[in-house]
PDB file of all heavy atoms in Angstrom:
ATOM      1  N   ARG A   1     107.026  33.682  -9.327  1.00  0.00           N
ATOM      2  CA  ARG A   1     107.441  33.098  -8.041  1.00  0.00           C
ATOM      3  C   ARG A   1     106.895  31.678  -7.970  1.00  0.00           C
ATOM      4  O   ARG A   1     105.828  31.385  -8.500  1.00  0.00           O
ATOM      5  CB  ARG A   1     106.894  33.923  -6.889  1.00  0.00           C
ATOM      6  CG  ARG A   1     107.452  35.321  -6.901  1.00  0.00           C
ATOM      7  CD  ARG A   1     107.012  36.018  -5.684  1.00  0.00           C
ATOM      8  NE  ARG A   1     108.099  35.805  -4.741  1.00  0.00           N
ATOM      9  CZ  ARG A   1     108.305  36.531  -3.675  1.00  0.00           C
ATOM     10  NH1 ARG A   1     107.487  37.482  -3.389  1.00  0.00           N
ATOM     11  NH2 ARG A   1     109.320  36.288  -2.885  1.00  0.00           N
ATOM     12  N   GLY A   2     107.631  30.814  -7.284  1.00  0.00           N
ATOM     13  CA  GLY A   2     107.186  29.429  -7.142  1.00  0.00           C
ATOM     14  C   GLY A   2     107.168  28.680  -8.465  1.00  0.00           C
ATOM     15  O   GLY A   2     106.325  27.816  -8.700  1.00  0.00           O
ATOM     16  N   HIS A   3     108.135  28.985  -9.315  1.00  0.00           N
ATOM     17  CA  HIS A   3     108.141  28.406 -10.663  1.00  0.00           C
ATOM     18  C   HIS A   3     108.319  26.872 -10.661  1.00  0.00           C
ATOM     19  O   HIS A   3     107.810  26.223 -11.555  1.00  0.00           O
ATOM     20  CB  HIS A   3     109.200  29.085 -11.526  1.00  0.00           C
ATOM     21  CG  HIS A   3     110.576  28.949 -11.004  1.00  0.00           C
ATOM     22  ND1 HIS A   3     111.092  29.783 -10.057  1.00  0.00           N
ATOM     23  CD2 HIS A   3     111.525  28.025 -11.254  1.00  0.00           C
ATOM     24  CE1 HIS A   3     112.303  29.400  -9.756  1.00  0.00           C
ATOM     25  NE2 HIS A   3     112.595  28.331 -10.469  1.00  0.00           N
ATOM     26  N   VAL A   4     109.027  26.329  -9.697  1.00  0.00           N
ATOM     27  CA  VAL A   4     109.201  24.866  -9.676  1.00  0.00           C
ATOM     28  C   VAL A   4     107.850  24.195  -9.430  1.00  0.00           C
ATOM     29  O   VAL A   4     107.476  23.277 -10.153  1.00  0.00           O
ATOM     30  CB  VAL A   4     110.256  24.427  -8.641  1.00  0.00           C
ATOM     31  CG1 VAL A   4     110.293  22.905  -8.521  1.00  0.00           C
ATOM     32  CG2 VAL A   4     111.635  24.961  -9.012  1.00  0.00           C
ATOM     33  N   ALA A   5     107.103  24.657  -8.459  1.00  0.00           N
ATOM     34  CA  ALA A   5     105.775  24.091  -8.178  1.00  0.00           C
ATOM     35  C   ALA A   5     104.826  24.318  -9.353  1.00  0.00           C
ATOM     36  O   ALA A   5     104.084  23.406  -9.745  1.00  0.00           O
ATOM     37  CB  ALA A   5     105.195  24.708  -6.906  1.00  0.00           C
ATOM     38  N   LYS A   6     104.863  25.490  -9.948  1.00  0.00           N
ATOM     39  CA  LYS A   6     103.999  25.780 -11.100  1.00  0.00           C
ATOM     40  C   LYS A   6     104.380  24.886 -12.284  1.00  0.00           C
ATOM     41  O   LYS A   6     103.514  24.372 -12.999  1.00  0.00           O
ATOM     42  CB  LYS A   6     104.089  27.259 -11.479  1.00  0.00           C
ATOM     43  CG  LYS A   6     103.333  28.148 -10.510  1.00  0.00           C
ATOM     44  CD  LYS A   6     103.462  29.603 -10.917  1.00  0.00           C
ATOM     45  CE  LYS A   6     102.734  30.582 -10.049  1.00  0.00           C
ATOM     46  NZ  LYS A   6     102.502  30.316  -8.684  1.00  0.00           N
ATOM     47  N   GLY A   7     105.681  24.691 -12.490  1.00  0.00           N
ATOM     48  CA  GLY A   7     106.137  23.822 -13.571  1.00  0.00           C
ATOM     49  C   GLY A   7     105.727  22.364 -13.355  1.00  0.00           C
ATOM     50  O   GLY A   7     105.337  21.675 -14.295  1.00  0.00           O
ATOM     51  N   ARG A   8     105.807  21.903 -12.115  1.00  0.00           N
ATOM     52  CA  ARG A   8     105.362  20.527 -11.804  1.00  0.00           C
ATOM     53  C   ARG A   8     103.868  20.364 -12.045  1.00  0.00           C
ATOM     54  O   ARG A   8     103.441  19.382 -12.626  1.00  0.00           O
ATOM     55  CB  ARG A   8     105.710  20.178 -10.349  1.00  0.00           C
ATOM     56  CG  ARG A   8     107.156  19.856 -10.119  1.00  0.00           C
ATOM     57  CD  ARG A   8     107.429  19.566  -8.644  1.00  0.00           C
ATOM     58  NE  ARG A   8     106.740  18.371  -8.176  1.00  0.00           N
ATOM     59  CZ  ARG A   8     107.213  17.137  -8.241  1.00  0.00           C
ATOM     60  NH1 ARG A   8     108.411  16.931  -8.759  1.00  0.00           N
ATOM     61  NH2 ARG A   8     106.537  16.122  -7.768  1.00  0.00           N
ATOM     62  N   ASP A   9     103.075  21.347 -11.595  1.00  0.00           N
ATOM     63  CA  ASP A   9     101.623  21.271 -11.810  1.00  0.00           C
ATOM     64  C   ASP A   9     101.276  21.289 -13.290  1.00  0.00           C
ATOM     65  O   ASP A   9     100.433  20.527 -13.756  1.00  0.00           O
ATOM     66  CB  ASP A   9     100.903  22.431 -11.093  1.00  0.00           C
ATOM     67  CG  ASP A   9     100.924  22.296  -9.599  1.00  0.00           C
ATOM     68  OD1 ASP A   9     101.175  21.174  -9.077  1.00  0.00           O
ATOM     69  OD2 ASP A   9     100.681  23.314  -8.908  1.00  0.00           O
ATOM     70  N   PHE A  10     101.935  22.159 -14.042  1.00  0.00           N
ATOM     71  CA  PHE A  10     101.743  22.251 -15.487  1.00  0.00           C
ATOM     72  C   PHE A  10     102.086  20.912 -16.159  1.00  0.00           C
ATOM     73  O   PHE A  10     101.323  20.412 -17.002  1.00  0.00           O
ATOM     74  CB  PHE A  10     102.649  23.368 -16.020  1.00  0.00           C
ATOM     75  CG  PHE A  10     102.619  23.570 -17.494  1.00  0.00           C
ATOM     76  CD1 PHE A  10     101.573  24.244 -18.083  1.00  0.00           C
ATOM     77  CD2 PHE A  10     103.664  23.126 -18.304  1.00  0.00           C
ATOM     78  CE1 PHE A  10     101.528  24.457 -19.463  1.00  0.00           C
ATOM     79  CE2 PHE A  10     103.644  23.345 -19.664  1.00  0.00           C
ATOM     80  CZ  PHE A  10     102.579  24.008 -20.251  1.00  0.00           C
ATOM     81  N   THR A  11     103.188  20.307 -15.740  1.00  0.00           N
ATOM     82  CA  THR A  11     103.618  19.015 -16.297  1.00  0.00           C
ATOM     83  C   THR A  11     102.656  17.909 -15.898  1.00  0.00           C
ATOM     84  O   THR A  11     102.292  17.065 -16.701  1.00  0.00           O
ATOM     85  CB  THR A  11     105.051  18.689 -15.849  1.00  0.00           C
ATOM     86  OG1 THR A  11     105.911  19.763 -16.250  1.00  0.00           O
ATOM     87  CG2 THR A  11     105.534  17.376 -16.439  1.00  0.00           C
ATOM     88  N   ARG A  12     102.212  17.912 -14.647  1.00  0.00           N
ATOM     89  CA  ARG A  12     101.268  16.902 -14.170  1.00  0.00           C
ATOM     90  C   ARG A  12      99.988  16.925 -15.015  1.00  0.00           C
ATOM     91  O   ARG A  12      99.478  15.874 -15.410  1.00  0.00           O
ATOM     92  CB  ARG A  12     100.949  17.121 -12.686  1.00  0.00           C
ATOM     93  CG  ARG A  12     100.131  16.015 -12.070  1.00  0.00           C
ATOM     94  CD  ARG A  12      99.897  16.236 -10.579  1.00  0.00           C
ATOM     95  NE  ARG A  12     101.113  15.976  -9.823  1.00  0.00           N
ATOM     96  CZ  ARG A  12     101.820  16.874  -9.171  1.00  0.00           C
ATOM     97  NH1 ARG A  12     101.460  18.129  -9.167  1.00  0.00           N
ATOM     98  NH2 ARG A  12     102.916  16.521  -8.522  1.00  0.00           N
ATOM     99  N   ARG A  13      99.479  18.112 -15.311  1.00  0.00           N
ATOM    100  CA  ARG A  13      98.274  18.234 -16.140  1.00  0.00           C
ATOM    101  C   ARG A  13      98.523  17.711 -17.558  1.00  0.00           C
ATOM    102  O   ARG A  13      97.686  17.015 -18.132  1.00  0.00           O
ATOM    103  CB  ARG A  13      97.787  19.674 -16.177  1.00  0.00           C
ATOM    104  CG  ARG A  13      97.072  20.109 -14.911  1.00  0.00           C
ATOM    105  CD  ARG A  13      96.359  21.443 -15.080  1.00  0.00           C
ATOM    106  NE  ARG A  13      97.281  22.525 -15.462  1.00  0.00           N
ATOM    107  CZ  ARG A  13      97.972  23.280 -14.596  1.00  0.00           C
ATOM    108  NH1 ARG A  13      97.859  23.062 -13.311  1.00  0.00           N
ATOM    109  NH2 ARG A  13      98.758  24.239 -15.047  1.00  0.00           N
ATOM    110  N   ALA A  14      99.680  18.027 -18.117  1.00  0.00           N
ATOM    111  CA  ALA A  14     100.003  17.543 -19.471  1.00  0.00           C
ATOM    112  C   ALA A  14     100.100  16.020 -19.484  1.00  0.00           C
ATOM    113  O   ALA A  14      99.554  15.365 -20.377  1.00  0.00           O
ATOM    114  CB  ALA A  14     101.314  18.171 -19.967  1.00  0.00           C
ATOM    115  N   LEU A  15     100.777  15.446 -18.481  1.00  0.00           N
ATOM    116  CA  LEU A  15     100.912  13.988 -18.423  1.00  0.00           C
ATOM    117  C   LEU A  15      99.533  13.329 -18.313  1.00  0.00           C
ATOM    118  O   LEU A  15      99.275  12.299 -18.960  1.00  0.00           O
ATOM    119  CB  LEU A  15     101.788  13.571 -17.239  1.00  0.00           C
ATOM    120  CG  LEU A  15     103.270  13.957 -17.339  1.00  0.00           C
ATOM    121  CD1 LEU A  15     103.978  13.686 -16.021  1.00  0.00           C
ATOM    122  CD2 LEU A  15     103.946  13.236 -18.489  1.00  0.00           C
ATOM    123  N   LEU A  16      98.655  13.897 -17.528  1.00  0.00           N
ATOM    124  CA  LEU A  16      97.288  13.380 -17.394  1.00  0.00           C
ATOM    125  C   LEU A  16      96.551  13.463 -18.726  1.00  0.00           C
ATOM    126  O   LEU A  16      95.955  12.486 -19.185  1.00  0.00           O
ATOM    127  CB  LEU A  16      96.540  14.162 -16.315  1.00  0.00           C
ATOM    128  CG  LEU A  16      95.085  13.796 -16.097  1.00  0.00           C
ATOM    129  CD1 LEU A  16      94.958  12.365 -15.587  1.00  0.00           C
ATOM    130  CD2 LEU A  16      94.441  14.758 -15.107  1.00  0.00           C
ATOM    131  N   ASP A  17      96.620  14.624 -19.372  1.00  0.00           N
ATOM    132  CA  ASP A  17      95.931  14.803 -20.661  1.00  0.00           C
ATOM    133  C   ASP A  17      96.468  13.874 -21.742  1.00  0.00           C
ATOM    134  O   ASP A  17      95.723  13.426 -22.609  1.00  0.00           O
ATOM    135  CB  ASP A  17      96.085  16.247 -21.143  1.00  0.00           C
ATOM    136  CG  ASP A  17      95.294  17.242 -20.312  1.00  0.00           C
ATOM    137  OD1 ASP A  17      94.448  16.816 -19.507  1.00  0.00           O
ATOM    138  OD2 ASP A  17      95.538  18.460 -20.478  1.00  0.00           O
ATOM    139  N   TRP A  18      97.763  13.572 -21.677  1.00  0.00           N
ATOM    140  CA  TRP A  18      98.369  12.723 -22.702  1.00  0.00           C
ATOM    141  C   TRP A  18      98.342  11.237 -22.330  1.00  0.00           C
ATOM    142  O   TRP A  18      98.880  10.416 -23.061  1.00  0.00           O
ATOM    143  CB  TRP A  18      99.822  13.162 -22.961  1.00  0.00           C
ATOM    144  CG  TRP A  18      99.925  14.557 -23.533  1.00  0.00           C
ATOM    145  CD1 TRP A  18      98.942  15.247 -24.201  1.00  0.00           C
ATOM    146  CD2 TRP A  18     101.064  15.407 -23.519  1.00  0.00           C
ATOM    147  NE1 TRP A  18      99.415  16.483 -24.574  1.00  0.00           N
ATOM    148  CE2 TRP A  18     100.705  16.615 -24.171  1.00  0.00           C
ATOM    149  CE3 TRP A  18     102.344  15.280 -23.008  1.00  0.00           C
ATOM    150  CZ2 TRP A  18     101.592  17.684 -24.341  1.00  0.00           C
ATOM    151  CZ3 TRP A  18     103.241  16.337 -23.169  1.00  0.00           C
ATOM    152  CH2 TRP A  18     102.855  17.528 -23.844  1.00  0.00           C
ATOM    153  N   GLY A  19      97.718  10.909 -21.186  1.00  0.00           N
ATOM    154  CA  GLY A  19      97.593   9.502 -20.792  1.00  0.00           C
ATOM    155  C   GLY A  19      98.869   8.909 -20.225  1.00  0.00           C
ATOM    156  O   GLY A  19      99.052   7.696 -20.236  1.00  0.00           O
ATOM    157  N   TRP A  20      99.756   9.777 -19.701  1.00  0.00           N
ATOM    158  CA  TRP A  20     101.031   9.319 -19.202  1.00  0.00           C
ATOM    159  C   TRP A  20     101.161   9.491 -17.697  1.00  0.00           C
ATOM    160  O   TRP A  20     102.249   9.670 -17.164  1.00  0.00           O
ATOM    161  CB  TRP A  20     102.180  10.072 -19.874  1.00  0.00           C
ATOM    162  CG  TRP A  20     102.385   9.723 -21.299  1.00  0.00           C
ATOM    163  CD1 TRP A  20     101.954   8.626 -21.974  1.00  0.00           C
ATOM    164  CD2 TRP A  20     103.126  10.503 -22.253  1.00  0.00           C
ATOM    165  NE1 TRP A  20     102.364   8.671 -23.269  1.00  0.00           N
ATOM    166  CE2 TRP A  20     103.075   9.813 -23.474  1.00  0.00           C
ATOM    167  CE3 TRP A  20     103.788  11.707 -22.196  1.00  0.00           C
ATOM    168  CZ2 TRP A  20     103.698  10.275 -24.633  1.00  0.00           C
ATOM    169  CZ3 TRP A  20     104.396  12.179 -23.339  1.00  0.00           C
ATOM    170  CH2 TRP A  20     104.359  11.476 -24.536  1.00  0.00           C
ATOM    171  N   ASP A  21     100.064   9.464 -16.981  1.00  0.00           N
ATOM    172  CA  ASP A  21     100.095   9.682 -15.535  1.00  0.00           C
ATOM    173  C   ASP A  21      99.965   8.361 -14.795  1.00  0.00           C
ATOM    174  O   ASP A  21      99.612   7.346 -15.390  1.00  0.00           O
ATOM    175  CB  ASP A  21      98.986  10.640 -15.104  1.00  0.00           C
ATOM    176  CG  ASP A  21      97.607  10.063 -15.396  1.00  0.00           C
ATOM    177  OD1 ASP A  21      97.421   9.516 -16.497  1.00  0.00           O
ATOM    178  OD2 ASP A  21      96.724  10.171 -14.535  1.00  0.00           O
ATOM    179  N   GLY A  22     100.279   8.380 -13.513  1.00  0.00           N
ATOM    180  CA  GLY A  22     100.029   7.221 -12.674  1.00  0.00           C
ATOM    181  C   GLY A  22     101.087   6.127 -12.718  1.00  0.00           C
ATOM    182  O   GLY A  22     100.849   5.030 -12.229  1.00  0.00           O
ATOM    183  N   THR A  23     102.250   6.398 -13.285  1.00  0.00           N
ATOM    184  CA  THR A  23     103.319   5.382 -13.286  1.00  0.00           C
ATOM    185  C   THR A  23     104.532   5.957 -12.562  1.00  0.00           C
ATOM    186  O   THR A  23     104.642   7.169 -12.356  1.00  0.00           O
ATOM    187  CB  THR A  23     103.760   4.994 -14.715  1.00  0.00           C
ATOM    188  OG1 THR A  23     104.373   6.112 -15.345  1.00  0.00           O
ATOM    189  CG2 THR A  23     102.585   4.480 -15.546  1.00  0.00           C
ATOM    190  N   GLU A  24     105.452   5.073 -12.186  1.00  0.00           N
ATOM    191  CA  GLU A  24     106.708   5.547 -11.579  1.00  0.00           C
ATOM    192  C   GLU A  24     107.473   6.439 -12.551  1.00  0.00           C
ATOM    193  O   GLU A  24     108.098   7.414 -12.148  1.00  0.00           O
ATOM    194  CB  GLU A  24     107.581   4.368 -11.170  1.00  0.00           C
ATOM    195  CG  GLU A  24     107.099   3.682  -9.918  1.00  0.00           C
ATOM    196  CD  GLU A  24     108.067   2.604  -9.455  1.00  0.00           C
ATOM    197  OE1 GLU A  24     109.283   2.777  -9.630  1.00  0.00           O
ATOM    198  OE2 GLU A  24     107.587   1.603  -8.937  1.00  0.00           O
ATOM    199  N   THR A  25     107.380   6.143 -13.834  1.00  0.00           N
ATOM    200  CA  THR A  25     108.098   6.952 -14.808  1.00  0.00           C
ATOM    201  C   THR A  25     107.484   8.337 -14.933  1.00  0.00           C
ATOM    202  O   THR A  25     108.207   9.311 -15.152  1.00  0.00           O
ATOM    203  CB  THR A  25     108.129   6.252 -16.177  1.00  0.00           C
ATOM    204  OG1 THR A  25     108.654   4.928 -15.994  1.00  0.00           O
ATOM    205  CG2 THR A  25     109.023   6.992 -17.162  1.00  0.00           C
ATOM    206  N   SER A  26     106.172   8.478 -14.756  1.00  0.00           N
ATOM    207  CA  SER A  26     105.575   9.818 -14.770  1.00  0.00           C
ATOM    208  C   SER A  26     106.058  10.611 -13.563  1.00  0.00           C
ATOM    209  O   SER A  26     106.275  11.820 -13.654  1.00  0.00           O
ATOM    210  CB  SER A  26     104.052   9.755 -14.850  1.00  0.00           C
ATOM    211  OG  SER A  26     103.493   9.169 -13.700  1.00  0.00           O
ATOM    212  N   GLU A  27     106.270   9.942 -12.437  1.00  0.00           N
ATOM    213  CA  GLU A  27     106.854  10.622 -11.279  1.00  0.00           C
ATOM    214  C   GLU A  27     108.289  11.031 -11.563  1.00  0.00           C
ATOM    215  O   GLU A  27     108.734  12.099 -11.134  1.00  0.00           O
ATOM    216  CB  GLU A  27     106.775   9.726 -10.036  1.00  0.00           C
ATOM    217  CG  GLU A  27     105.369   9.487  -9.532  1.00  0.00           C
ATOM    218  CD  GLU A  27     104.666  10.768  -9.107  1.00  0.00           C
ATOM    219  OE1 GLU A  27     105.295  11.614  -8.417  1.00  0.00           O
ATOM    220  OE2 GLU A  27     103.470  10.926  -9.439  1.00  0.00           O
ATOM    221  N   ASP A  28     109.014  10.197 -12.307  1.00  0.00           N
ATOM    222  CA  ASP A  28     110.368  10.574 -12.733  1.00  0.00           C
ATOM    223  C   ASP A  28     110.342  11.827 -13.593  1.00  0.00           C
ATOM    224  O   ASP A  28     111.215  12.677 -13.501  1.00  0.00           O
ATOM    225  CB  ASP A  28     111.035   9.443 -13.507  1.00  0.00           C
ATOM    226  CG  ASP A  28     111.478   8.282 -12.646  1.00  0.00           C
ATOM    227  OD1 ASP A  28     111.482   8.419 -11.407  1.00  0.00           O
ATOM    228  OD2 ASP A  28     111.796   7.227 -13.211  1.00  0.00           O
TER     229      ASP A  28
END
């Protein structure tokens, strides 16, 4: 349940770990 929110959180953590967070493109 709540797979969209879980998927976004999972992706947000990966982007942070890979150094790809904090840009407009990471929000895209």
